[in-house]
Amino acid sequence: GQAIDRPKVYASHLSIKAPAQVARGAKARITGVLSSADPACGSTQEVSLMRGSSTLGTRNTGASGAYRFVMKITRRTTLQVTYVGSTWCGASASAKRTITVN
C-alpha cells in the first residue's frame, strides 16, 4: 500500500496577562495572543475563558491573534484561556492566572 501524507498540524501557544489583584467588584482585563507557526492558526480563532471546567465566555481572536476579556471580579478567581484547535491547528491552553480581591 502507498503511504498517505498526513496533513501537518501546527502547534499553537496562548499567552495570558491578567492583574494579580483588583478591588472587589472591579472589572479585570484578561488579554493575550494565540500564536502559531502558521499565522492562520492564530487569526480569527475562538478562544474560551475558563474557571476550572466552567466556560465564562468565548471570543474570536483578531487578525494578529490577540484576544481580550473583561470580567467583574467579586472573589479570588483562577482563570485560564483555552483553544480547542482545528484540523490544522493544535489545541492549547494558557498558563493559569489567579486574581485576588482587596
C-alpha atoms as a PDB file:
ATOM      1  CA  GLY A   1       0.000   0.000   0.000  1.00  0.00           C
ATOM      2  CA  GLN A   2       1.027   3.567  -0.580  1.00  0.00           C
ATOM      3  CA  ALA A   3       1.816   5.845   2.321  1.00  0.00           C
ATOM      4  CA  ILE A   4      -0.797   8.534   2.815  1.00  0.00           C
ATOM      5  CA  ASP A   5       0.529  12.005   3.536  1.00  0.00           C
ATOM      6  CA  ARG A   6      -0.927  13.154   6.807  1.00  0.00           C
ATOM      7  CA  PRO A   7      -1.616  16.882   6.977  1.00  0.00           C
ATOM      8  CA  LYS A   8       0.751  18.781   9.221  1.00  0.00           C
ATOM      9  CA  VAL A   9      -0.816  20.052  12.427  1.00  0.00           C
ATOM     10  CA  TYR A  10       0.700  23.326  13.598  1.00  0.00           C
ATOM     11  CA  ALA A  11       1.214  23.716  17.333  1.00  0.00           C
ATOM     12  CA  SER A  12      -0.353  26.780  18.908  1.00  0.00           C
ATOM     13  CA  HIS A  13       0.505  28.819  22.004  1.00  0.00           C
ATOM     14  CA  LEU A  14      -1.729  31.017  24.164  1.00  0.00           C
ATOM     15  CA  SER A  15      -0.266  33.807  26.269  1.00  0.00           C
ATOM     16  CA  ILE A  16      -2.256  35.432  29.076  1.00  0.00           C
ATOM     17  CA  LYS A  17      -1.993  38.691  31.028  1.00  0.00           C
ATOM     18  CA  ALA A  18      -4.239  39.491  33.963  1.00  0.00           C
ATOM     19  CA  PRO A  19      -3.939  41.719  37.027  1.00  0.00           C
ATOM     20  CA  ALA A  20      -2.793  39.957  40.207  1.00  0.00           C
ATOM     21  CA  GLN A  21      -5.245  41.947  42.318  1.00  0.00           C
ATOM     22  CA  VAL A  22      -8.301  44.158  41.810  1.00  0.00           C
ATOM     23  CA  ALA A  23     -10.766  45.893  44.091  1.00  0.00           C
ATOM     24  CA  ARG A  24     -13.773  43.696  44.920  1.00  0.00           C
ATOM     25  CA  GLY A  25     -16.376  44.126  42.180  1.00  0.00           C
ATOM     26  CA  ALA A  26     -13.944  45.837  39.805  1.00  0.00           C
ATOM     27  CA  LYS A  27     -13.506  44.724  36.214  1.00  0.00           C
ATOM     28  CA  ALA A  28     -10.304  42.959  35.222  1.00  0.00           C
ATOM     29  CA  ARG A  29      -8.938  42.856  31.693  1.00  0.00           C
ATOM     30  CA  ILE A  30      -7.619  39.461  30.640  1.00  0.00           C
ATOM     31  CA  THR A  31      -5.608  39.725  27.429  1.00  0.00           C
ATOM     32  CA  GLY A  32      -3.230  37.641  25.390  1.00  0.00           C
ATOM     33  CA  VAL A  33      -2.296  36.293  21.996  1.00  0.00           C
ATOM     34  CA  LEU A  34      -2.910  32.986  20.226  1.00  0.00           C
ATOM     35  CA  SER A  35       0.164  32.334  18.101  1.00  0.00           C
ATOM     36  CA  SER A  36       1.392  29.581  15.804  1.00  0.00           C
ATOM     37  CA  ALA A  37       3.993  28.900  13.113  1.00  0.00           C
ATOM     38  CA  ASP A  38       1.000  29.059  10.746  1.00  0.00           C
ATOM     39  CA  PRO A  39      -0.463  32.586  11.126  1.00  0.00           C
ATOM     40  CA  ALA A  40      -3.914  31.300  10.130  1.00  0.00           C
ATOM     41  CA  CYS A  41      -3.966  29.275  13.363  1.00  0.00           C
ATOM     42  CA  GLY A  42      -3.928  32.466  15.438  1.00  0.00           C
ATOM     43  CA  SER A  43      -6.144  34.715  13.339  1.00  0.00           C
ATOM     44  CA  THR A  44      -9.919  34.851  13.980  1.00  0.00           C
ATOM     45  CA  GLN A  45      -9.995  31.686  16.093  1.00  0.00           C
ATOM     46  CA  GLU A  46     -12.369  31.122  19.003  1.00  0.00           C
ATOM     47  CA  VAL A  47     -10.807  31.081  22.472  1.00  0.00           C
ATOM     48  CA  SER A  48     -12.588  30.422  25.766  1.00  0.00           C
ATOM     49  CA  LEU A  49     -12.134  31.978  29.207  1.00  0.00           C
ATOM     50  CA  MET A  50     -12.289  29.191  31.779  1.00  0.00           C
ATOM     51  CA  ARG A  51     -12.647  28.987  35.567  1.00  0.00           C
ATOM     52  CA  GLY A  52     -11.947  25.345  36.358  1.00  0.00           C
ATOM     53  CA  SER A  53     -14.151  23.400  33.932  1.00  0.00           C
ATOM     54  CA  SER A  54     -16.673  26.251  33.554  1.00  0.00           C
ATOM     55  CA  THR A  55     -16.621  28.386  30.404  1.00  0.00           C
ATOM     56  CA  LEU A  56     -17.104  32.044  31.366  1.00  0.00           C
ATOM     57  CA  GLY A  57     -17.089  33.360  27.811  1.00  0.00           C
ATOM     58  CA  THR A  58     -15.729  32.984  24.298  1.00  0.00           C
ATOM     59  CA  ARG A  59     -14.117  35.485  21.945  1.00  0.00           C
ATOM     60  CA  ASN A  60     -12.675  35.396  18.454  1.00  0.00           C
ATOM     61  CA  THR A  61      -9.074  36.468  18.188  1.00  0.00           C
ATOM     62  CA  GLY A  62      -8.226  39.403  15.955  1.00  0.00           C
ATOM     63  CA  ALA A  63      -6.169  39.207  12.778  1.00  0.00           C
ATOM     64  CA  SER A  64      -2.970  39.283  14.871  1.00  0.00           C
ATOM     65  CA  GLY A  65      -4.234  36.571  17.239  1.00  0.00           C
ATOM     66  CA  ALA A  66      -4.957  38.995  20.100  1.00  0.00           C
ATOM     67  CA  TYR A  67      -7.929  38.446  22.420  1.00  0.00           C
ATOM     68  CA  ARG A  68      -9.452  40.389  25.308  1.00  0.00           C
ATOM     69  CA  PHE A  69     -11.951  39.503  28.007  1.00  0.00           C
ATOM     70  CA  VAL A  70     -13.302  41.928  30.608  1.00  0.00           C
ATOM     71  CA  MET A  71     -14.701  40.287  33.717  1.00  0.00           C
ATOM     72  CA  LYS A  72     -16.113  41.558  37.004  1.00  0.00           C
ATOM     73  CA  ILE A  73     -14.152  40.029  39.893  1.00  0.00           C
ATOM     74  CA  THR A  74     -16.011  39.568  43.171  1.00  0.00           C
ATOM     75  CA  ARG A  75     -13.814  36.908  44.783  1.00  0.00           C
ATOM     76  CA  ARG A  76     -10.430  35.233  44.350  1.00  0.00           C
ATOM     77  CA  THR A  77     -10.570  33.640  40.911  1.00  0.00           C
ATOM     78  CA  THR A  78      -8.189  31.458  38.922  1.00  0.00           C
ATOM     79  CA  LEU A  79      -8.625  31.814  35.175  1.00  0.00           C
ATOM     80  CA  GLN A  80      -7.222  30.154  32.079  1.00  0.00           C
ATOM     81  CA  VAL A  81      -7.790  30.678  28.360  1.00  0.00           C
ATOM     82  CA  THR A  82      -8.138  27.646  26.077  1.00  0.00           C
ATOM     83  CA  TYR A  83      -8.218  26.987  22.327  1.00  0.00           C
ATOM     84  CA  VAL A  84      -9.738  23.735  21.075  1.00  0.00           C
ATOM     85  CA  GLY A  85      -7.771  23.729  17.835  1.00  0.00           C
ATOM     86  CA  SER A  86      -8.924  22.722  14.355  1.00  0.00           C
ATOM     87  CA  THR A  87      -7.992  20.323  11.584  1.00  0.00           C
ATOM     88  CA  TRP A  88      -4.633  22.024  11.010  1.00  0.00           C
ATOM     89  CA  CYS A  89      -4.086  23.783  14.315  1.00  0.00           C
ATOM     90  CA  GLY A  90      -3.234  22.104  17.584  1.00  0.00           C
ATOM     91  CA  ALA A  91      -5.125  22.838  20.791  1.00  0.00           C
ATOM     92  CA  SER A  92      -3.502  24.910  23.506  1.00  0.00           C
ATOM     93  CA  ALA A  93      -4.128  26.384  26.929  1.00  0.00           C
ATOM     94  CA  SER A  94      -2.630  29.411  28.605  1.00  0.00           C
ATOM     95  CA  ALA A  95      -0.971  29.390  31.982  1.00  0.00           C
ATOM     96  CA  LYS A  96      -3.386  29.837  34.892  1.00  0.00           C
ATOM     97  CA  ARG A  97      -3.679  33.285  36.462  1.00  0.00           C
ATOM     98  CA  THR A  98      -5.145  33.957  39.904  1.00  0.00           C
ATOM     99  CA  ILE A  99      -6.743  37.335  40.571  1.00  0.00           C
ATOM    100  CA  THR A 100      -7.258  38.233  44.205  1.00  0.00           C
ATOM    101  CA  VAL A 101      -9.552  40.932  45.568  1.00  0.00           C
ATOM    102  CA  ASN A 102      -8.649  43.599  48.109  1.00  0.00           C
END
